[in-house]
Protein backbone atom coordinates (compact mmCIF):
# COMPACT_ATOMS: atom_id res chain seq x y z
CA MET A 1 -245.15 98.95 -28.13
CA SER A 2 -248.22 96.47 -28.81
CA VAL A 3 -249.64 94.77 -25.94
CA GLU A 4 -250.86 91.24 -27.04
CA THR A 5 -254.37 90.51 -26.19
CA VAL A 6 -255.13 87.68 -24.27
CA PRO A 7 -258.15 85.73 -25.92
CA THR A 8 -261.08 85.47 -23.65
CA ARG A 9 -263.09 81.90 -24.14
CA PRO A 10 -266.80 82.07 -24.50
CA VAL A 11 -269.16 81.47 -21.45
CA GLY A 12 -269.66 77.96 -21.23
CA HIS A 13 -266.60 76.79 -22.89
CA VAL A 14 -265.17 73.23 -21.91
CA PRO A 15 -261.55 72.49 -21.72
CA GLU A 16 -260.43 71.27 -25.08
CA ASN A 17 -259.49 67.56 -23.77
CA VAL A 18 -261.24 64.46 -25.00
CA PHE A 19 -261.77 63.06 -21.64
CA MET A 20 -263.28 66.28 -20.45
CA ASP A 21 -265.39 67.71 -23.08
CA ARG A 22 -267.36 64.56 -24.10
CA TRP A 23 -270.28 63.19 -21.98
CA VAL A 24 -270.13 59.88 -23.62
CA LEU A 25 -267.28 57.10 -23.43
CA GLU A 26 -267.30 55.10 -26.57
CA PRO A 27 -267.98 51.17 -26.39
CA LYS A 28 -264.68 49.51 -25.19
CA THR A 29 -263.67 45.79 -26.71
CA GLN A 30 -262.14 43.63 -23.90
CA ARG A 31 -258.70 42.75 -24.79
CA VAL A 32 -258.36 39.89 -22.25
CA TRP A 33 -259.72 36.66 -24.07
CA GLY A 34 -258.59 35.48 -27.08
CA ALA A 35 -257.31 32.84 -29.37
CA PRO A 36 -255.76 30.83 -26.56
CA HIS A 37 -259.06 30.66 -24.62
CA ALA A 38 -261.11 29.98 -27.62
CA THR A 39 -258.82 27.15 -28.28
CA TRP A 40 -258.88 25.89 -24.84
CA PHE A 41 -262.97 26.14 -25.02
CA THR A 42 -262.75 24.01 -28.47
CA LEU A 43 -260.88 21.32 -26.93
CA MET A 44 -262.46 21.22 -23.81
CA GLY A 45 -266.03 20.92 -25.27
CA VAL A 46 -264.91 18.31 -28.03
CA GLY A 47 -263.28 16.01 -25.48
CA GLY A 48 -266.22 16.10 -23.24
CA GLY A 49 -268.44 15.45 -25.98
CA LEU A 50 -266.71 12.76 -27.34
CA PHE A 51 -266.50 10.84 -24.17
CA ILE A 52 -270.40 11.33 -23.62
CA LEU A 53 -271.40 10.45 -26.95
CA ALA A 54 -269.40 7.44 -27.35
CA ARG A 55 -270.53 6.07 -23.85
CA ALA A 56 -274.01 6.99 -24.30
CA LEU A 57 -274.39 5.37 -28.08
CA ASP A 58 -272.23 2.44 -26.85
CA ARG A 59 -269.61 3.10 -29.48
CA ASP A 60 -266.47 2.97 -26.89
CA ALA A 61 -265.30 -0.40 -27.74
CA ASP A 62 -266.06 -0.76 -31.21
CA LEU A 63 -263.42 2.36 -32.48
CA GLY A 64 -259.96 0.97 -31.67
CA HIS A 65 -258.11 0.51 -28.82
CA TRP A 66 -254.30 1.64 -28.09
CA LEU A 67 -252.61 -0.03 -25.04
CA GLY A 68 -255.67 -1.68 -24.34
CA ILE A 69 -257.90 1.22 -23.51
CA PRO A 70 -260.68 2.61 -26.06
CA LEU A 71 -259.15 4.86 -28.50
CA VAL A 72 -262.17 7.33 -27.99
CA ASP A 73 -261.33 7.61 -24.65
CA TRP A 74 -257.73 8.66 -25.19
CA ILE A 75 -258.76 11.44 -27.76
CA SER A 76 -261.13 12.70 -25.13
CA PHE A 77 -258.55 12.71 -22.23
CA VAL A 78 -255.85 14.28 -24.15
CA ALA A 79 -258.02 17.13 -25.64
CA ILE A 80 -259.15 18.01 -22.33
CA ALA A 81 -255.95 17.62 -20.77
CA VAL A 82 -254.13 19.86 -23.33
CA GLY A 83 -257.00 22.48 -22.93
CA GLY A 84 -256.32 22.51 -19.29
CA LEU A 85 -252.56 22.96 -20.05
CA ILE A 86 -253.29 26.03 -22.19
CA LEU A 87 -255.49 27.41 -19.31
CA ILE A 88 -252.43 27.14 -16.79
CA GLY A 89 -250.13 28.43 -19.26
CA ASP A 90 -252.40 31.61 -20.03
CA LEU A 91 -252.45 32.36 -16.29
CA GLY A 92 -248.93 33.85 -16.45
CA ARG A 93 -247.95 32.13 -13.40
CA PRO A 94 -248.72 28.43 -13.71
CA TRP A 95 -247.65 27.70 -10.25
CA ARG A 96 -250.40 29.47 -8.68
CA ALA A 97 -252.68 27.35 -10.62
CA TRP A 98 -253.83 25.73 -7.46
CA ARG A 99 -255.74 28.74 -6.78
CA ALA A 100 -258.24 28.02 -9.15
CA PHE A 101 -259.65 25.24 -6.99
CA VAL A 102 -260.21 27.18 -3.70
CA ASN A 103 -263.14 29.35 -4.63
CA VAL A 104 -265.77 27.04 -5.45
CA ARG A 105 -268.39 29.26 -3.62
CA ARG A 106 -268.30 32.17 -5.98
CA SER A 107 -266.15 31.20 -8.79
CA VAL A 108 -267.14 29.39 -11.93
CA ILE A 109 -263.79 28.79 -12.93
CA SER A 110 -263.20 26.77 -9.91
CA TRP A 111 -266.14 24.60 -10.96
CA GLY A 112 -264.46 24.19 -14.05
CA ALA A 113 -261.33 23.30 -12.73
CA TRP A 114 -262.85 20.58 -10.32
CA ALA A 115 -264.74 19.30 -13.46
CA ASP A 116 -261.77 18.78 -15.32
CA LEU A 117 -259.81 17.27 -12.64
CA ILE A 118 -262.65 14.87 -11.57
CA PHE A 119 -263.31 13.92 -15.11
CA LEU A 120 -259.78 13.26 -15.84
CA THR A 121 -259.46 11.14 -12.50
CA ALA A 122 -262.62 9.06 -12.91
CA GLY A 123 -262.05 8.53 -16.59
CA ALA A 124 -258.54 7.33 -15.72
CA LEU A 125 -259.49 4.94 -13.05
CA LEU A 126 -262.45 3.71 -15.35
CA VAL A 127 -260.15 2.51 -17.82
CA LEU A 128 -256.88 1.59 -15.96
CA PRO A 129 -257.88 -2.09 -15.22
CA ASP A 130 -257.51 -2.72 -19.28
CA LEU A 131 -254.17 -0.95 -19.38
CA ARG A 132 -252.12 -3.20 -21.41
CA ILE A 133 -248.02 -2.68 -21.23
CA GLY A 134 -246.74 -5.46 -23.36
CA SER A 135 -248.56 -8.75 -22.57
CA ALA A 136 -249.00 -7.46 -18.76
CA ARG A 137 -252.13 -5.83 -17.46
CA PRO A 138 -251.13 -4.83 -14.06
CA PHE A 139 -254.37 -3.49 -12.99
CA GLU A 140 -256.62 -6.16 -14.03
CA SER A 141 -257.54 -7.07 -10.55
CA LEU A 142 -259.60 -3.83 -10.01
CA PRO A 143 -263.14 -4.68 -9.74
CA TRP A 144 -264.33 -3.01 -13.43
CA ASP A 145 -263.38 -2.71 -16.65
CA SER A 146 -263.63 0.13 -19.44
CA ASN A 147 -266.87 -1.16 -20.45
CA ALA A 148 -268.26 -0.47 -17.17
CA THR A 149 -269.92 -3.68 -16.95
CA SER A 150 -269.98 -3.71 -13.01
CA ALA A 151 -271.60 -1.49 -10.54
CA SER A 152 -268.50 0.36 -9.44
CA GLY A 153 -267.44 0.62 -13.07
CA ARG A 154 -270.99 1.90 -13.99
CA THR A 155 -270.44 4.39 -11.32
CA LEU A 156 -267.17 5.88 -12.53
CA GLU A 157 -268.64 6.21 -15.73
CA ILE A 158 -271.71 8.37 -14.64
CA VAL A 159 -269.12 10.57 -12.63
CA ALA A 160 -267.06 10.87 -15.61
CA MET A 161 -269.97 11.79 -18.06
CA ILE A 162 -271.45 14.54 -15.64
CA ALA A 163 -268.10 15.99 -15.18
CA ALA A 164 -267.55 15.83 -19.01
CA LEU A 165 -270.81 17.66 -19.14
CA GLY A 166 -269.29 20.43 -16.73
CA VAL A 167 -266.26 20.61 -18.91
CA MET A 168 -268.18 21.31 -21.89
CA ILE A 169 -270.25 24.20 -20.48
CA TYR A 170 -268.68 25.85 -17.91
CA ALA A 171 -266.71 28.00 -20.27
CA GLY A 172 -269.57 29.62 -21.77
CA ILE A 173 -271.09 30.06 -18.10
CA VAL A 174 -267.76 32.16 -17.22
CA LEU A 175 -268.79 34.11 -20.08
CA ALA A 176 -272.49 34.67 -19.43
CA ARG A 177 -272.51 35.23 -15.73
CA PRO A 178 -271.23 38.81 -15.41
CA ARG A 179 -273.52 41.62 -16.75
CA ALA A 180 -270.50 44.03 -17.92
CA ILE A 181 -270.86 42.79 -21.42
CA PRO A 182 -274.21 42.40 -22.84
CA TYR A 183 -273.35 40.32 -25.88
CA TRP A 184 -272.17 37.52 -23.29
CA HIS A 185 -274.87 37.76 -20.65
CA SER A 186 -277.01 35.24 -22.04
CA PRO A 187 -277.97 31.81 -21.58
CA SER A 188 -277.64 31.50 -25.24
CA ILE A 189 -273.84 31.61 -24.77
CA PRO A 190 -273.31 28.54 -22.80
CA LEU A 191 -275.95 26.67 -24.91
CA GLN A 192 -274.05 27.58 -28.15
CA PHE A 193 -270.79 26.32 -27.29
CA LEU A 194 -272.51 23.08 -25.70
CA LEU A 195 -274.12 22.47 -29.15
CA SER A 196 -271.51 23.42 -31.07
CA SER A 197 -269.32 20.91 -29.06
CA ALA A 198 -271.70 18.13 -28.90
CA ALA A 199 -272.00 18.56 -33.33
CA THR A 200 -268.22 18.45 -33.49
CA ALA A 201 -267.59 15.50 -31.39
CA MET A 202 -270.21 13.50 -33.22
CA ALA A 203 -268.47 14.29 -36.23
CA VAL A 204 -265.38 12.94 -34.70
CA LEU A 205 -267.30 9.94 -33.55
CA LEU A 206 -268.46 9.30 -37.35
CA VAL A 207 -265.25 9.81 -38.58
CA MET A 208 -263.65 6.93 -36.23
CA GLU A 209 -266.76 4.81 -37.01
CA PHE A 210 -265.57 5.13 -40.83
CA ALA A 211 -261.99 4.60 -40.01
CA ASN A 212 -262.69 1.44 -38.12
CA ASP A 213 -265.62 0.04 -40.86
CA VAL A 214 -268.32 0.55 -38.44
CA ALA A 215 -271.54 1.16 -40.17
CA ILE A 216 -272.83 4.87 -39.49
CA GLU A 217 -276.30 4.52 -38.12
CA ALA A 218 -279.21 6.67 -39.07
CA SER A 219 -280.14 7.44 -35.32
CA GLU A 220 -276.56 9.27 -35.03
CA LEU A 221 -277.34 11.28 -38.32
CA TRP A 222 -280.62 12.37 -36.57
CA ILE A 223 -278.96 13.44 -33.43
CA THR A 224 -276.24 15.40 -35.25
CA ALA A 225 -278.91 17.35 -37.26
CA ALA A 226 -280.91 18.21 -33.77
CA PHE A 227 -277.51 19.53 -32.56
CA LEU A 228 -277.08 21.65 -35.54
CA VAL A 229 -280.90 22.75 -35.88
CA ALA A 230 -280.71 23.85 -32.22
CA LEU A 231 -277.48 25.77 -32.49
CA LEU A 232 -278.60 27.53 -35.68
CA ALA A 233 -281.70 28.59 -33.81
CA LEU A 234 -279.94 29.67 -30.78
CA VAL A 235 -277.44 32.00 -32.67
CA VAL A 236 -280.21 33.68 -34.64
CA GLY A 237 -282.16 34.09 -31.59
CA HIS A 238 -279.44 35.51 -29.67
CA LEU A 239 -278.79 37.91 -32.51
CA LEU A 240 -282.66 39.08 -32.63
CA THR A 241 -282.79 39.18 -28.65
CA ARG A 242 -282.60 42.55 -27.06
CA SER A 243 -280.73 43.77 -30.45
CA ASP A 244 -280.96 47.45 -29.39
CA THR A 245 -279.11 46.89 -25.92
CA PRO A 246 -276.13 49.38 -25.69
CA GLY A 247 -272.87 46.98 -25.96
CA LYS A 248 -274.83 44.15 -27.52
CA LYS A 249 -275.72 46.47 -30.50
CA GLU A 250 -272.20 47.30 -31.12
CA SER A 251 -271.51 43.28 -30.97
CA ARG A 252 -274.12 42.62 -33.21
CA ASP A 253 -273.14 45.22 -35.79
CA ARG A 254 -269.60 43.87 -36.00
CA LEU A 255 -270.93 40.30 -36.59
CA LEU A 256 -273.29 41.32 -39.22
CA ARG A 257 -272.43 44.36 -40.90
CA GLY A 258 -268.55 45.01 -39.59
CA GLN A 259 -265.39 43.65 -39.71
CA TYR A 260 -266.36 40.21 -38.68
CA ARG A 261 -269.35 39.90 -41.11
CA LEU A 262 -267.56 37.11 -43.63
CA PRO A 263 -266.21 34.83 -40.85
CA PHE A 264 -269.21 34.80 -39.03
CA LEU A 265 -272.10 34.99 -41.74
CA GLY A 266 -270.11 32.80 -44.05
CA GLY A 267 -267.96 30.51 -41.88
CA VAL A 268 -269.85 30.18 -38.82
CA VAL A 269 -273.26 30.21 -39.81
CA ILE A 270 -273.45 29.15 -43.49
CA LEU A 271 -270.32 26.57 -43.78
CA GLY A 272 -270.36 25.87 -40.14
CA THR A 273 -274.00 25.19 -39.45
CA VAL A 274 -276.36 25.39 -42.53
CA VAL A 275 -274.31 23.48 -45.18
CA PRO A 276 -273.41 20.43 -42.29
CA LEU A 277 -277.22 20.56 -41.55
CA ALA A 278 -278.10 19.96 -45.32
CA LEU A 279 -275.27 17.42 -45.96
CA THR A 280 -276.64 15.53 -42.85
CA VAL A 281 -280.25 15.27 -44.27
CA VAL A 282 -278.97 14.04 -47.58
CA ALA A 283 -276.98 11.58 -45.77
CA LEU A 284 -280.16 10.03 -44.01
CA ALA A 285 -281.43 9.12 -47.35
CA VAL A 286 -278.40 8.29 -49.10
CA THR A 287 -276.65 5.79 -47.13
CA ASP A 288 -273.74 5.26 -49.35
CA ALA A 289 -272.69 9.10 -48.89
CA ARG A 290 -272.56 8.80 -45.21
CA ASP A 291 -268.77 8.00 -45.00
CA ALA A 292 -267.83 10.65 -47.04
CA LEU A 293 -270.36 13.08 -44.93
CA ALA A 294 -268.52 12.09 -41.81
CA VAL A 295 -265.23 13.31 -43.21
CA VAL A 296 -266.75 16.57 -44.54
CA LEU A 297 -268.84 17.17 -41.23
CA LEU A 298 -265.35 17.31 -39.41
CA VAL A 299 -263.70 19.27 -41.62
CA LEU A 300 -266.42 21.92 -41.39
CA LEU A 301 -267.48 21.97 -37.85
CA LEU A 302 -264.17 21.99 -36.19
CA PRO A 303 -263.17 25.35 -37.42
CA ALA A 304 -266.51 26.68 -37.46
CA GLY A 305 -266.69 25.59 -33.61
CA PHE A 306 -263.35 27.48 -33.02
CA ALA A 307 -264.44 30.36 -35.15
CA LEU A 308 -267.71 30.71 -33.27
CA ARG A 309 -265.89 30.71 -29.91
CA LEU A 310 -263.31 33.15 -31.31
CA LEU A 311 -265.58 35.71 -32.50
CA THR A 312 -267.89 35.56 -29.34
CA LEU A 313 -264.77 36.69 -27.62
CA ARG A 314 -263.92 39.24 -30.06
CA VAL A 315 -267.12 41.05 -29.97
CA GLY A 316 -267.04 41.10 -26.33
CA ILE A 317 -267.98 44.74 -26.10
CA PHE A 318 -268.45 46.85 -22.97
CA PRO A 319 -271.43 49.48 -23.54
CA PRO A 320 -270.75 53.08 -23.84
CA LEU A 321 -270.85 55.05 -20.59
CA LYS A 322 -273.01 58.00 -20.72
CA GLU A 323 -272.56 59.04 -17.11
CA VAL A 324 -269.44 59.04 -14.79
CA PRO A 325 -270.82 58.98 -11.18
CA GLY A 326 -269.67 61.95 -8.90
CA ILE A 327 -268.00 63.60 -12.30
CA PHE A 328 -270.26 64.10 -15.02
CA ARG A 329 -273.94 64.35 -15.50
CA PRO A 330 -275.39 65.00 -18.96
């Protein structure tokens, strides 16, 4: 009877287990933030930007009314309210949404929740005196109007505009504050979201001017071009800065050479930024092209803004872990 010899392992052999014999844990892509968050970010940004730009450019009263309230304000309120509902629905337990308001000292999400609430409250109060139900205006006795011609109305307008700015930028700050994902951890991210929102909101404003037979001014096109130039500079600068940082390198590779190359370079950068910028410059010289430009800008910028946010979320990558404290040291 032969006796089987048990094979011996070479000296220094490590267990055949992928988690035991490798010193590097690969980069991991975050799986929490996705399309609902990108939709929420887009709606919040465009809604806030539209309110600010319409008021700053004094266009809100010229672009139509519904129930006595400026139509541009309705669009802004609805966009931000829908974005808030998407956020509440994404929490999984909507009845606990009130907790988003209680940690203001440490949570940027709390800042955003309060910005949403303050904006909707101040904005609604501002336009309330002009609300028309049938032939009646039940709140006309309030000492202001939606045009903010009085001191109290102007105060409400300023509060709403500041809150709208917070609504536009806080989602980017939520991503940029933690260090865990290097591609997100940059002031460029909230600024990209802010400028994308502003450019898209301006496109909405231009389309509303076209629909209401209001002349599109050259100054509005210059503002749009400035937003797009700044956005392009931030996107390129962010890609070139600290490009070899672990985690950010993998994010950058996916955007420039990997699976997201076509939607990012072709969609966000070319069709969503460079082409709108070129068309805006053309419209500055060709006055008759401005109405058509407004529609084309909105068609290009709105999906590009959503894609910018979604792709930013998709390439949120935790860097590779080269050392597990207390366990392995290479």
